[in-house]
Amino acid sequence: MAAVGALFTAGAGAAVAEPAPTPGPVSFHSRPDFNTFGIVHVGGGIWDSGIDSSKVWSNYFHGGKCHGSFARGRTFVRDWNVPAGQWSKASAEMSVSEANEVAWANSC
């Protein structure tokens, strides 16, 4: 089973890493003036994710495992089955009417 990570927001511009990876995506609820992002070490890799006034993104790096990430805004973008040692990169246009979601996985 793939480990899926989460980033929890603590207000605009602040992010706190979850102590242990938990299955499930993260939802960002957007406003035009809302920005949040974070770079955290999770699942044995590095996760760069966030949202700004135009896009939502999820980029994940793992040095030893096949892995992937996704971003869902107005569209769904997935970069999966990425070899160890390379970044998975997913970026989608931010949705103003729906929740925006991001996730990472450290297996394929």
N, C-alpha and C. Protein backbone atom coordinates (compact mmCIF):
# COMPACT_ATOMS: atom_id res chain seq x y z
N MET A 1 0.85 -1.18 0.00
CA MET A 1 0.00 0.00 0.00
C MET A 1 0.89 1.24 0.00
N ALA A 2 0.55 2.19 -0.79
CA ALA A 2 1.33 3.43 -0.89
C ALA A 2 1.08 4.30 0.32
N ALA A 3 2.12 4.92 0.80
CA ALA A 3 1.96 5.91 1.85
C ALA A 3 1.61 7.23 1.19
N VAL A 4 0.62 7.88 1.69
CA VAL A 4 0.19 9.16 1.14
C VAL A 4 0.34 10.19 2.23
N GLY A 5 0.86 11.36 1.89
CA GLY A 5 1.17 12.36 2.89
C GLY A 5 0.20 13.50 2.93
N ALA A 6 0.31 14.28 3.98
CA ALA A 6 -0.59 15.40 4.15
C ALA A 6 0.14 16.58 4.77
N LEU A 7 -0.28 17.76 4.41
CA LEU A 7 0.23 19.00 4.98
C LEU A 7 -0.97 19.76 5.52
N PHE A 8 -0.92 20.18 6.76
CA PHE A 8 -2.04 20.88 7.36
C PHE A 8 -1.70 22.35 7.49
N THR A 9 -2.62 23.21 7.08
CA THR A 9 -2.36 24.64 7.14
C THR A 9 -2.77 25.19 8.50
N ALA A 10 -2.03 26.18 8.94
CA ALA A 10 -2.31 26.83 10.21
C ALA A 10 -2.61 28.31 9.99
N GLY A 11 -3.10 28.65 8.82
CA GLY A 11 -3.39 30.03 8.48
C GLY A 11 -2.60 30.43 7.26
N ALA A 12 -2.96 31.55 6.66
CA ALA A 12 -2.31 32.01 5.43
C ALA A 12 -0.81 32.12 5.63
N GLY A 13 -0.07 31.45 4.77
CA GLY A 13 1.38 31.54 4.79
C GLY A 13 2.06 30.64 5.79
N ALA A 14 1.31 29.89 6.60
CA ALA A 14 1.92 29.02 7.59
C ALA A 14 1.57 27.58 7.28
N ALA A 15 2.48 26.68 7.53
CA ALA A 15 2.22 25.26 7.33
C ALA A 15 2.94 24.47 8.40
N VAL A 16 2.31 23.38 8.82
CA VAL A 16 2.87 22.52 9.85
C VAL A 16 2.88 21.10 9.32
N ALA A 17 3.99 20.40 9.43
CA ALA A 17 4.06 19.02 8.97
C ALA A 17 3.33 18.12 9.95
N GLU A 18 2.61 17.17 9.44
CA GLU A 18 1.94 16.18 10.24
C GLU A 18 2.99 15.25 10.84
N PRO A 19 2.88 14.82 12.10
CA PRO A 19 3.90 13.99 12.72
C PRO A 19 4.16 12.67 11.99
N ALA A 20 3.12 11.98 11.54
CA ALA A 20 3.29 10.73 10.81
C ALA A 20 2.40 10.76 9.59
N PRO A 21 2.88 10.28 8.43
CA PRO A 21 2.05 10.30 7.23
C PRO A 21 0.72 9.59 7.45
N THR A 22 -0.34 10.16 6.93
CA THR A 22 -1.68 9.62 7.04
C THR A 22 -2.29 9.54 5.65
N PRO A 23 -2.97 8.44 5.33
CA PRO A 23 -3.58 8.35 4.01
C PRO A 23 -4.56 9.49 3.76
N GLY A 24 -4.62 9.93 2.51
CA GLY A 24 -5.58 10.93 2.13
C GLY A 24 -4.95 12.21 1.64
N PRO A 25 -5.66 12.92 0.76
CA PRO A 25 -5.16 14.18 0.22
C PRO A 25 -5.38 15.33 1.19
N VAL A 26 -4.81 16.45 0.87
CA VAL A 26 -5.00 17.68 1.61
C VAL A 26 -5.87 18.60 0.78
N SER A 27 -6.83 19.25 1.40
CA SER A 27 -7.68 20.21 0.70
C SER A 27 -7.31 21.62 1.11
N PHE A 28 -7.20 22.50 0.13
CA PHE A 28 -6.98 23.92 0.36
C PHE A 28 -8.24 24.64 -0.08
N HIS A 29 -8.80 25.47 0.77
CA HIS A 29 -9.95 26.28 0.38
C HIS A 29 -9.41 27.67 0.05
N SER A 30 -9.74 28.16 -1.13
CA SER A 30 -9.06 29.32 -1.69
C SER A 30 -9.85 30.61 -1.56
N ARG A 31 -9.08 31.67 -1.47
CA ARG A 31 -9.56 33.04 -1.62
C ARG A 31 -8.54 33.73 -2.49
N PRO A 32 -8.90 34.78 -3.17
CA PRO A 32 -7.93 35.47 -4.03
C PRO A 32 -6.69 35.95 -3.28
N ASP A 33 -6.81 36.24 -1.97
CA ASP A 33 -5.67 36.74 -1.20
C ASP A 33 -4.97 35.64 -0.39
N PHE A 34 -5.29 34.38 -0.66
CA PHE A 34 -4.81 33.26 0.14
C PHE A 34 -3.59 32.62 -0.50
N ASN A 35 -2.51 32.48 0.26
CA ASN A 35 -1.30 31.79 -0.18
C ASN A 35 -0.82 30.91 0.95
N THR A 36 -0.53 29.66 0.67
CA THR A 36 0.11 28.80 1.65
C THR A 36 0.96 27.79 0.91
N PHE A 37 2.05 27.43 1.50
CA PHE A 37 2.96 26.48 0.87
C PHE A 37 3.86 25.90 1.95
N GLY A 38 4.53 24.81 1.60
CA GLY A 38 5.45 24.21 2.55
C GLY A 38 6.37 23.23 1.88
N ILE A 39 7.55 23.10 2.42
CA ILE A 39 8.49 22.07 2.01
C ILE A 39 8.79 21.27 3.27
N VAL A 40 8.42 19.99 3.25
CA VAL A 40 8.56 19.15 4.43
C VAL A 40 9.19 17.81 4.06
N HIS A 41 9.80 17.16 5.04
CA HIS A 41 10.35 15.82 4.87
C HIS A 41 9.28 14.83 5.34
N VAL A 42 8.76 14.03 4.41
CA VAL A 42 7.72 13.04 4.72
C VAL A 42 7.97 11.77 3.92
N GLY A 43 7.63 10.64 4.49
CA GLY A 43 7.69 9.38 3.77
C GLY A 43 9.07 9.03 3.23
N GLY A 44 10.12 9.56 3.83
CA GLY A 44 11.47 9.30 3.35
C GLY A 44 11.91 10.20 2.22
N GLY A 45 11.07 11.18 1.87
CA GLY A 45 11.38 12.09 0.77
C GLY A 45 11.14 13.54 1.14
N ILE A 46 11.10 14.39 0.12
CA ILE A 46 10.87 15.83 0.30
C ILE A 46 9.63 16.21 -0.49
N TRP A 47 8.69 16.89 0.18
CA TRP A 47 7.44 17.29 -0.47
C TRP A 47 7.33 18.81 -0.47
N ASP A 48 7.16 19.36 -1.66
CA ASP A 48 6.96 20.79 -1.88
C ASP A 48 5.55 20.95 -2.41
N SER A 49 4.66 21.57 -1.64
CA SER A 49 3.27 21.70 -2.08
C SER A 49 2.70 23.02 -1.63
N GLY A 50 1.63 23.44 -2.30
CA GLY A 50 0.98 24.67 -1.88
C GLY A 50 -0.04 25.18 -2.87
N ILE A 51 -0.49 26.39 -2.58
CA ILE A 51 -1.48 27.05 -3.42
C ILE A 51 -1.17 28.55 -3.39
N ASP A 52 -1.38 29.21 -4.52
CA ASP A 52 -1.30 30.66 -4.56
C ASP A 52 -2.51 31.17 -5.34
N SER A 53 -2.51 32.40 -5.77
CA SER A 53 -3.69 32.99 -6.40
C SER A 53 -4.01 32.40 -7.77
N SER A 54 -3.13 31.60 -8.35
CA SER A 54 -3.41 31.05 -9.68
C SER A 54 -3.25 29.55 -9.81
N LYS A 55 -2.48 28.90 -8.92
CA LYS A 55 -2.24 27.47 -9.10
C LYS A 55 -2.11 26.74 -7.77
N VAL A 56 -2.26 25.42 -7.85
CA VAL A 56 -2.03 24.50 -6.74
C VAL A 56 -0.98 23.51 -7.23
N TRP A 57 0.00 23.16 -6.37
CA TRP A 57 1.07 22.28 -6.83
C TRP A 57 1.46 21.26 -5.77
N SER A 58 2.05 20.16 -6.25
CA SER A 58 2.54 19.09 -5.39
C SER A 58 3.74 18.45 -6.08
N ASN A 59 4.92 18.66 -5.53
CA ASN A 59 6.16 18.10 -6.08
C ASN A 59 6.80 17.24 -5.00
N TYR A 60 7.20 16.01 -5.35
CA TYR A 60 7.74 15.08 -4.36
C TYR A 60 9.01 14.43 -4.89
N PHE A 61 10.03 14.35 -4.03
CA PHE A 61 11.30 13.72 -4.38
C PHE A 61 11.56 12.58 -3.41
N HIS A 62 11.94 11.43 -3.96
CA HIS A 62 12.38 10.31 -3.12
C HIS A 62 13.63 9.72 -3.75
N GLY A 63 14.68 9.59 -2.97
CA GLY A 63 15.95 9.11 -3.48
C GLY A 63 16.05 7.62 -3.66
N GLY A 64 15.13 6.84 -3.06
CA GLY A 64 15.27 5.39 -3.10
C GLY A 64 14.06 4.61 -3.58
N LYS A 65 12.95 5.26 -3.90
CA LYS A 65 11.73 4.53 -4.29
C LYS A 65 11.05 5.21 -5.47
N CYS A 66 10.35 4.39 -6.24
CA CYS A 66 9.40 4.90 -7.23
C CYS A 66 8.34 5.68 -6.45
N HIS A 67 7.86 6.80 -6.98
CA HIS A 67 6.96 7.66 -6.22
C HIS A 67 6.12 8.53 -7.15
N GLY A 68 5.31 9.41 -6.58
CA GLY A 68 4.49 10.31 -7.39
C GLY A 68 3.79 11.36 -6.56
N SER A 69 3.07 12.23 -7.26
CA SER A 69 2.30 13.29 -6.61
C SER A 69 1.15 13.70 -7.52
N PHE A 70 0.14 14.35 -6.92
CA PHE A 70 -0.93 14.92 -7.75
C PHE A 70 -1.37 16.26 -7.19
N ALA A 71 -1.99 17.04 -8.08
CA ALA A 71 -2.60 18.32 -7.73
C ALA A 71 -3.96 18.39 -8.43
N ARG A 72 -4.99 18.78 -7.68
CA ARG A 72 -6.33 18.91 -8.24
C ARG A 72 -6.84 20.31 -7.94
N GLY A 73 -7.15 21.04 -8.98
CA GLY A 73 -7.78 22.35 -8.89
C GLY A 73 -8.93 22.35 -9.88
N ARG A 74 -8.87 23.24 -10.88
CA ARG A 74 -9.86 23.19 -11.97
C ARG A 74 -9.66 21.93 -12.81
N THR A 75 -8.45 21.40 -12.80
CA THR A 75 -8.12 20.16 -13.50
C THR A 75 -7.38 19.24 -12.53
N PHE A 76 -7.15 18.01 -12.96
CA PHE A 76 -6.41 17.03 -12.17
C PHE A 76 -5.12 16.71 -12.91
N VAL A 77 -3.98 16.89 -12.24
CA VAL A 77 -2.68 16.60 -12.84
C VAL A 77 -1.95 15.63 -11.92
N ARG A 78 -1.48 14.52 -12.51
CA ARG A 78 -0.79 13.50 -11.75
C ARG A 78 0.54 13.19 -12.41
N ASP A 79 1.60 13.11 -11.63
CA ASP A 79 2.91 12.68 -12.10
C ASP A 79 3.26 11.44 -11.28
N TRP A 80 3.06 10.27 -11.85
CA TRP A 80 3.15 9.02 -11.12
C TRP A 80 4.23 8.13 -11.72
N ASN A 81 4.62 7.09 -11.01
CA ASN A 81 5.64 6.13 -11.47
C ASN A 81 6.95 6.82 -11.79
N VAL A 82 7.32 7.80 -10.99
CA VAL A 82 8.56 8.55 -11.19
C VAL A 82 9.70 7.75 -10.55
N PRO A 83 10.80 7.53 -11.28
CA PRO A 83 11.91 6.75 -10.73
C PRO A 83 12.57 7.44 -9.53
N ALA A 84 13.17 6.63 -8.67
CA ALA A 84 13.93 7.15 -7.53
C ALA A 84 14.97 8.14 -8.03
N GLY A 85 15.16 9.20 -7.26
CA GLY A 85 16.17 10.20 -7.60
C GLY A 85 15.69 11.31 -8.52
N GLN A 86 14.40 11.30 -8.89
CA GLN A 86 13.84 12.36 -9.73
C GLN A 86 12.63 12.97 -9.02
N TRP A 87 12.31 14.21 -9.34
CA TRP A 87 11.14 14.89 -8.78
C TRP A 87 9.89 14.50 -9.55
N SER A 88 8.80 14.20 -8.84
CA SER A 88 7.47 14.17 -9.47
C SER A 88 6.95 15.60 -9.35
N LYS A 89 6.34 16.09 -10.43
CA LYS A 89 5.87 17.48 -10.45
C LYS A 89 4.45 17.53 -11.00
N ALA A 90 3.54 18.06 -10.20
CA ALA A 90 2.15 18.21 -10.62
C ALA A 90 1.69 19.61 -10.26
N SER A 91 1.11 20.32 -11.22
CA SER A 91 0.61 21.67 -11.00
C SER A 91 -0.68 21.84 -11.78
N ALA A 92 -1.71 22.39 -11.12
CA ALA A 92 -3.01 22.59 -11.76
C ALA A 92 -3.48 24.02 -11.50
N GLU A 93 -4.35 24.51 -12.38
CA GLU A 93 -4.94 25.83 -12.18
C GLU A 93 -5.81 25.79 -10.92
N MET A 94 -5.69 26.79 -10.06
CA MET A 94 -6.44 26.87 -8.83
C MET A 94 -7.94 27.01 -9.11
N SER A 95 -8.75 26.31 -8.34
CA SER A 95 -10.20 26.42 -8.44
C SER A 95 -10.70 27.38 -7.37
N VAL A 96 -11.59 28.29 -7.77
CA VAL A 96 -12.19 29.19 -6.78
C VAL A 96 -13.52 28.67 -6.26
N SER A 97 -14.11 27.67 -6.94
CA SER A 97 -15.42 27.17 -6.54
C SER A 97 -15.36 25.81 -5.86
N GLU A 98 -14.28 25.07 -6.01
CA GLU A 98 -14.14 23.74 -5.42
C GLU A 98 -12.89 23.71 -4.54
N ALA A 99 -12.80 22.70 -3.69
CA ALA A 99 -11.59 22.52 -2.89
C ALA A 99 -10.44 22.13 -3.80
N ASN A 100 -9.26 22.58 -3.50
CA ASN A 100 -8.03 22.23 -4.22
C ASN A 100 -7.31 21.19 -3.36
N GLU A 101 -6.80 20.12 -4.00
CA GLU A 101 -6.19 19.03 -3.25
C GLU A 101 -4.79 18.72 -3.76
N VAL A 102 -3.94 18.24 -2.86
CA VAL A 102 -2.60 17.78 -3.22
C VAL A 102 -2.29 16.52 -2.42
N ALA A 103 -1.39 15.68 -2.97
CA ALA A 103 -0.96 14.48 -2.26
C ALA A 103 0.36 14.00 -2.82
N TRP A 104 1.05 13.16 -2.06
CA TRP A 104 2.26 12.49 -2.50
C TRP A 104 2.12 11.00 -2.19
N ALA A 105 2.91 10.18 -2.85
CA ALA A 105 2.97 8.74 -2.56
C ALA A 105 4.41 8.29 -2.71
N ASN A 106 4.86 7.40 -1.81
CA ASN A 106 6.24 6.94 -1.88
C ASN A 106 6.35 5.49 -2.36
N SER A 107 5.41 5.07 -3.19
CA SER A 107 5.49 3.78 -3.88
C SER A 107 4.64 3.85 -5.14
N CYS A 108 4.88 2.92 -6.05
CA CYS A 108 4.14 2.91 -7.31
C CYS A 108 3.33 1.64 -7.45
